[in-house]
Amino acid sequence: MYVYPSARGQGVARQLLAAVLDWSRTKGIGIAELHATSMGAPLYESVGFQPATNYRLPL
């Protein structure tokens, strides 16, 4: 997710994240996974995400 610098600090990212997580729960999605930048990590950790290293191999 990206929030323009002029809109940062106003809760926009937090509201977007809450909406996505709420929607995911209603669809029965059991796990949310993301790749965070150092700037976004505090937001994600504040709602319960745990830091992890993930690997993927596109085939």
PDB file of N, CA and C in Angstrom:
ATOM      1  N   MET A   1       0.854  -1.143   0.000  1.00  0.00           N
ATOM      2  CA  MET A   1       0.000   0.000   0.000  1.00  0.00           C
ATOM      3  C   MET A   1       0.905   1.211   0.000  1.00  0.00           C
ATOM      4  N   TYR A   2       0.443   2.281  -0.590  1.00  0.00           N
ATOM      5  CA  TYR A   2       1.210   3.525  -0.637  1.00  0.00           C
ATOM      6  C   TYR A   2       0.274   4.672  -0.304  1.00  0.00           C
ATOM      7  N   VAL A   3       0.742   5.547   0.566  1.00  0.00           N
ATOM      8  CA  VAL A   3      -0.012   6.748   0.909  1.00  0.00           C
ATOM      9  C   VAL A   3       0.860   7.944   0.537  1.00  0.00           C
ATOM     10  N   TYR A   4       0.296   8.848  -0.219  1.00  0.00           N
ATOM     11  CA  TYR A   4       1.043  10.043  -0.604  1.00  0.00           C
ATOM     12  C   TYR A   4       1.570  10.756   0.631  1.00  0.00           C
ATOM     13  N   PRO A   5       2.769  11.309   0.529  1.00  0.00           N
ATOM     14  CA  PRO A   5       3.352  12.000   1.682  1.00  0.00           C
ATOM     15  C   PRO A   5       2.436  13.055   2.296  1.00  0.00           C
ATOM     16  N   SER A   6       1.695  13.754   1.478  1.00  0.00           N
ATOM     17  CA  SER A   6       0.813  14.808   2.005  1.00  0.00           C
ATOM     18  C   SER A   6      -0.347  14.254   2.819  1.00  0.00           C
ATOM     19  N   ALA A   7      -0.636  12.966   2.671  1.00  0.00           N
ATOM     20  CA  ALA A   7      -1.751  12.350   3.401  1.00  0.00           C
ATOM     21  C   ALA A   7      -1.279  11.484   4.569  1.00  0.00           C
ATOM     22  N   ARG A   8       0.016  11.376   4.754  1.00  0.00           N
ATOM     23  CA  ARG A   8       0.545  10.538   5.829  1.00  0.00           C
ATOM     24  C   ARG A   8       0.275  11.157   7.193  1.00  0.00           C
ATOM     25  N   GLY A   9       0.200  10.298   8.194  1.00  0.00           N
ATOM     26  CA  GLY A   9      -0.017  10.767   9.556  1.00  0.00           C
ATOM     27  C   GLY A   9      -1.468  11.096   9.861  1.00  0.00           C
ATOM     28  N   GLN A  10      -2.372  10.741   8.959  1.00  0.00           N
ATOM     29  CA  GLN A  10      -3.790  11.051   9.137  1.00  0.00           C
ATOM     30  C   GLN A  10      -4.634   9.787   9.324  1.00  0.00           C
ATOM     31  N   GLY A  11      -3.981   8.639   9.434  1.00  0.00           N
ATOM     32  CA  GLY A  11      -4.708   7.396   9.651  1.00  0.00           C
ATOM     33  C   GLY A  11      -5.204   6.721   8.390  1.00  0.00           C
ATOM     34  N   VAL A  12      -4.787   7.198   7.223  1.00  0.00           N
ATOM     35  CA  VAL A  12      -5.257   6.624   5.962  1.00  0.00           C
ATOM     36  C   VAL A  12      -4.810   5.167   5.829  1.00  0.00           C
ATOM     37  N   ALA A  13      -3.534   4.896   6.049  1.00  0.00           N
ATOM     38  CA  ALA A  13      -3.030   3.527   5.927  1.00  0.00           C
ATOM     39  C   ALA A  13      -3.701   2.606   6.946  1.00  0.00           C
ATOM     40  N   ARG A  14      -3.898   3.078   8.156  1.00  0.00           N
ATOM     41  CA  ARG A  14      -4.539   2.270   9.198  1.00  0.00           C
ATOM     42  C   ARG A  14      -5.976   1.923   8.799  1.00  0.00           C
ATOM     43  N   GLN A  15      -6.699   2.878   8.217  1.00  0.00           N
ATOM     44  CA  GLN A  15      -8.069   2.620   7.782  1.00  0.00           C
ATOM     45  C   GLN A  15      -8.107   1.634   6.619  1.00  0.00           C
ATOM     46  N   LEU A  16      -7.195   1.782   5.674  1.00  0.00           N
ATOM     47  CA  LEU A  16      -7.125   0.847   4.545  1.00  0.00           C
ATOM     48  C   LEU A  16      -6.796  -0.562   5.030  1.00  0.00           C
ATOM     49  N   LEU A  17      -5.822  -0.659   5.929  1.00  0.00           N
ATOM     50  CA  LEU A  17      -5.446  -1.966   6.461  1.00  0.00           C
ATOM     51  C   LEU A  17      -6.610  -2.601   7.205  1.00  0.00           C
ATOM     52  N   ALA A  18      -7.301  -1.836   8.027  1.00  0.00           N
ATOM     53  CA  ALA A  18      -8.451  -2.367   8.769  1.00  0.00           C
ATOM     54  C   ALA A  18      -9.524  -2.874   7.813  1.00  0.00           C
ATOM     55  N   ALA A  19      -9.776  -2.138   6.741  1.00  0.00           N
ATOM     56  CA  ALA A  19     -10.792  -2.553   5.774  1.00  0.00           C
ATOM     57  C   ALA A  19     -10.396  -3.862   5.093  1.00  0.00           C
ATOM     58  N   VAL A  20      -9.140  -3.998   4.716  1.00  0.00           N
ATOM     59  CA  VAL A  20      -8.672  -5.219   4.051  1.00  0.00           C
ATOM     60  C   VAL A  20      -8.738  -6.406   5.011  1.00  0.00           C
ATOM     61  N   LEU A  21      -8.328  -6.209   6.256  1.00  0.00           N
ATOM     62  CA  LEU A  21      -8.364  -7.305   7.219  1.00  0.00           C
ATOM     63  C   LEU A  21      -9.798  -7.707   7.552  1.00  0.00           C
ATOM     64  N   ASP A  22     -10.678  -6.730   7.700  1.00  0.00           N
ATOM     65  CA  ASP A  22     -12.088  -7.039   7.953  1.00  0.00           C
ATOM     66  C   ASP A  22     -12.691  -7.822   6.788  1.00  0.00           C
ATOM     67  N   TRP A  23     -12.439  -7.368   5.575  1.00  0.00           N
ATOM     68  CA  TRP A  23     -12.940  -8.063   4.386  1.00  0.00           C
ATOM     69  C   TRP A  23     -12.400  -9.488   4.344  1.00  0.00           C
ATOM     70  N   SER A  24     -11.102  -9.645   4.617  1.00  0.00           N
ATOM     71  CA  SER A  24     -10.479 -10.962   4.597  1.00  0.00           C
ATOM     72  C   SER A  24     -11.141 -11.905   5.593  1.00  0.00           C
ATOM     73  N   ARG A  25     -11.432 -11.399   6.775  1.00  0.00           N
ATOM     74  CA  ARG A  25     -12.100 -12.227   7.791  1.00  0.00           C
ATOM     75  C   ARG A  25     -13.483 -12.666   7.319  1.00  0.00           C
ATOM     76  N   THR A  26     -14.230 -11.770   6.673  1.00  0.00           N
ATOM     77  CA  THR A  26     -15.574 -12.134   6.206  1.00  0.00           C
ATOM     78  C   THR A  26     -15.523 -13.186   5.110  1.00  0.00           C
ATOM     79  N   LYS A  27     -14.406 -13.268   4.405  1.00  0.00           N
ATOM     80  CA  LYS A  27     -14.238 -14.256   3.339  1.00  0.00           C
ATOM     81  C   LYS A  27     -13.628 -15.561   3.845  1.00  0.00           C
ATOM     82  N   GLY A  28     -13.375 -15.628   5.145  1.00  0.00           N
ATOM     83  CA  GLY A  28     -12.822 -16.844   5.715  1.00  0.00           C
ATOM     84  C   GLY A  28     -11.335 -17.030   5.503  1.00  0.00           C
ATOM     85  N   ILE A  29     -10.660 -15.983   5.143  1.00  0.00           N
ATOM     86  CA  ILE A  29      -9.213 -16.063   4.947  1.00  0.00           C
ATOM     87  C   ILE A  29      -8.565 -16.143   6.320  1.00  0.00           C
ATOM     88  N   GLY A  30      -7.750 -17.160   6.535  1.00  0.00           N
ATOM     89  CA  GLY A  30      -7.204 -17.421   7.853  1.00  0.00           C
ATOM     90  C   GLY A  30      -5.850 -16.810   8.139  1.00  0.00           C
ATOM     91  N   ILE A  31      -5.129 -16.415   7.112  1.00  0.00           N
ATOM     92  CA  ILE A  31      -3.790 -15.864   7.305  1.00  0.00           C
ATOM     93  C   ILE A  31      -3.619 -14.652   6.406  1.00  0.00           C
ATOM     94  N   ALA A  32      -3.051 -13.608   6.947  1.00  0.00           N
ATOM     95  CA  ALA A  32      -2.689 -12.429   6.154  1.00  0.00           C
ATOM     96  C   ALA A  32      -1.169 -12.351   6.131  1.00  0.00           C
ATOM     97  N   GLU A  33      -0.608 -12.243   4.962  1.00  0.00           N
ATOM     98  CA  GLU A  33       0.839 -12.169   4.807  1.00  0.00           C
ATOM     99  C   GLU A  33       1.169 -10.949   3.972  1.00  0.00           C
ATOM    100  N   LEU A  34       2.211 -10.261   4.353  1.00  0.00           N
ATOM    101  CA  LEU A  34       2.631  -9.101   3.573  1.00  0.00           C
ATOM    102  C   LEU A  34       4.133  -8.946   3.666  1.00  0.00           C
ATOM    103  N   HIS A  35       4.649  -8.107   2.826  1.00  0.00           N
ATOM    104  CA  HIS A  35       6.065  -7.762   2.828  1.00  0.00           C
ATOM    105  C   HIS A  35       6.136  -6.270   3.119  1.00  0.00           C
ATOM    106  N   ALA A  36       6.642  -5.929   4.288  1.00  0.00           N
ATOM    107  CA  ALA A  36       6.619  -4.545   4.741  1.00  0.00           C
ATOM    108  C   ALA A  36       7.958  -3.856   4.532  1.00  0.00           C
ATOM    109  N   THR A  37       7.887  -2.575   4.247  1.00  0.00           N
ATOM    110  CA  THR A  37       9.084  -1.744   4.265  1.00  0.00           C
ATOM    111  C   THR A  37       9.348  -1.351   5.715  1.00  0.00           C
ATOM    112  N   SER A  38      10.503  -0.810   5.972  1.00  0.00           N
ATOM    113  CA  SER A  38      10.811  -0.369   7.338  1.00  0.00           C
ATOM    114  C   SER A  38       9.874   0.758   7.761  1.00  0.00           C
ATOM    115  N   MET A  39       9.363   1.528   6.812  1.00  0.00           N
ATOM    116  CA  MET A  39       8.434   2.602   7.135  1.00  0.00           C
ATOM    117  C   MET A  39       7.064   2.048   7.528  1.00  0.00           C
ATOM    118  N   GLY A  40       6.634   0.975   6.876  1.00  0.00           N
ATOM    119  CA  GLY A  40       5.317   0.415   7.147  1.00  0.00           C
ATOM    120  C   GLY A  40       5.272  -0.565   8.303  1.00  0.00           C
ATOM    121  N   ALA A  41       6.430  -1.131   8.666  1.00  0.00           N
ATOM    122  CA  ALA A  41       6.469  -2.170   9.691  1.00  0.00           C
ATOM    123  C   ALA A  41       5.812  -1.768  11.012  1.00  0.00           C
ATOM    124  N   PRO A  42       6.029  -0.566  11.527  1.00  0.00           N
ATOM    125  CA  PRO A  42       5.391  -0.215  12.805  1.00  0.00           C
ATOM    126  C   PRO A  42       3.859  -0.288  12.761  1.00  0.00           C
ATOM    127  N   LEU A  43       3.250   0.104  11.659  1.00  0.00           N
ATOM    128  CA  LEU A  43       1.795   0.006  11.522  1.00  0.00           C
ATOM    129  C   LEU A  43       1.362  -1.444  11.599  1.00  0.00           C
ATOM    130  N   TYR A  44       2.003  -2.297  10.811  1.00  0.00           N
ATOM    131  CA  TYR A  44       1.610  -3.699  10.766  1.00  0.00           C
ATOM    132  C   TYR A  44       1.818  -4.381  12.119  1.00  0.00           C
ATOM    133  N   GLU A  45       2.934  -4.096  12.757  1.00  0.00           N
ATOM    134  CA  GLU A  45       3.194  -4.679  14.069  1.00  0.00           C
ATOM    135  C   GLU A  45       2.186  -4.185  15.103  1.00  0.00           C
ATOM    136  N   SER A  46       1.709  -2.951  14.956  1.00  0.00           N
ATOM    137  CA  SER A  46       0.758  -2.399  15.928  1.00  0.00           C
ATOM    138  C   SER A  46      -0.599  -3.092  15.886  1.00  0.00           C
ATOM    139  N   VAL A  47      -0.903  -3.787  14.779  1.00  0.00           N
ATOM    140  CA  VAL A  47      -2.174  -4.514  14.700  1.00  0.00           C
ATOM    141  C   VAL A  47      -1.978  -6.018  14.870  1.00  0.00           C
ATOM    142  N   GLY A  48      -0.755  -6.433  15.185  1.00  0.00           N
ATOM    143  CA  GLY A  48      -0.521  -7.827  15.515  1.00  0.00           C
ATOM    144  C   GLY A  48       0.311  -8.651  14.556  1.00  0.00           C
ATOM    145  N   PHE A  49       0.701  -8.091  13.404  1.00  0.00           N
ATOM    146  CA  PHE A  49       1.572  -8.839  12.503  1.00  0.00           C
ATOM    147  C   PHE A  49       2.904  -9.099  13.206  1.00  0.00           C
ATOM    148  N   GLN A  50       3.476 -10.276  12.942  1.00  0.00           N
ATOM    149  CA  GLN A  50       4.775 -10.645  13.492  1.00  0.00           C
ATOM    150  C   GLN A  50       5.804 -10.620  12.375  1.00  0.00           C
ATOM    151  N   PRO A  51       6.992 -10.058  12.650  1.00  0.00           N
ATOM    152  CA  PRO A  51       8.031 -10.058  11.618  1.00  0.00           C
ATOM    153  C   PRO A  51       8.415 -11.484  11.232  1.00  0.00           C
ATOM    154  N   ALA A  52       8.633 -11.706   9.944  1.00  0.00           N
ATOM    155  CA  ALA A  52       9.024 -13.020   9.433  1.00  0.00           C
ATOM    156  C   ALA A  52       9.738 -12.846   8.101  1.00  0.00           C
ATOM    157  N   THR A  53      10.508 -13.837   7.737  1.00  0.00           N
ATOM    158  CA  THR A  53      11.155 -13.848   6.428  1.00  0.00           C
ATOM    159  C   THR A  53      10.415 -14.859   5.563  1.00  0.00           C
ATOM    160  N   ASN A  54      10.032 -14.439   4.365  1.00  0.00           N
ATOM    161  CA  ASN A  54       9.291 -15.317   3.462  1.00  0.00           C
ATOM    162  C   ASN A  54      10.050 -15.442   2.160  1.00  0.00           C
ATOM    163  N   TYR A  55       9.990 -16.622   1.569  1.00  0.00           N
ATOM    164  CA  TYR A  55      10.615 -16.891   0.284  1.00  0.00           C
ATOM    165  C   TYR A  55       9.571 -17.406  -0.683  1.00  0.00           C
ATOM    166  N   ARG A  56       9.706 -17.013  -1.928  1.00  0.00           N
ATOM    167  CA  ARG A  56       8.806 -17.505  -2.978  1.00  0.00           C
ATOM    168  C   ARG A  56       9.612 -17.782  -4.231  1.00  0.00           C
ATOM    169  N   LEU A  57       9.147 -18.743  -4.976  1.00  0.00           N
ATOM    170  CA  LEU A  57       9.758 -19.070  -6.242  1.00  0.00           C
ATOM    171  C   LEU A  57       8.710 -19.093  -7.324  1.00  0.00           C
ATOM    172  N   PRO A  58       8.639 -18.051  -8.175  1.00  0.00           N
ATOM    173  CA  PRO A  58       7.672 -18.091  -9.278  1.00  0.00           C
ATOM    174  C   PRO A  58       8.136 -19.144 -10.283  1.00  0.00           C
ATOM    175  N   LEU A  59       7.231 -20.001 -10.700  1.00  0.00           N
ATOM    176  CA  LEU A  59       7.571 -21.061 -11.659  1.00  0.00           C
ATOM    177  C   LEU A  59       6.926 -20.835 -13.012  1.00  0.00           C
TER     178      LEU A  59
END
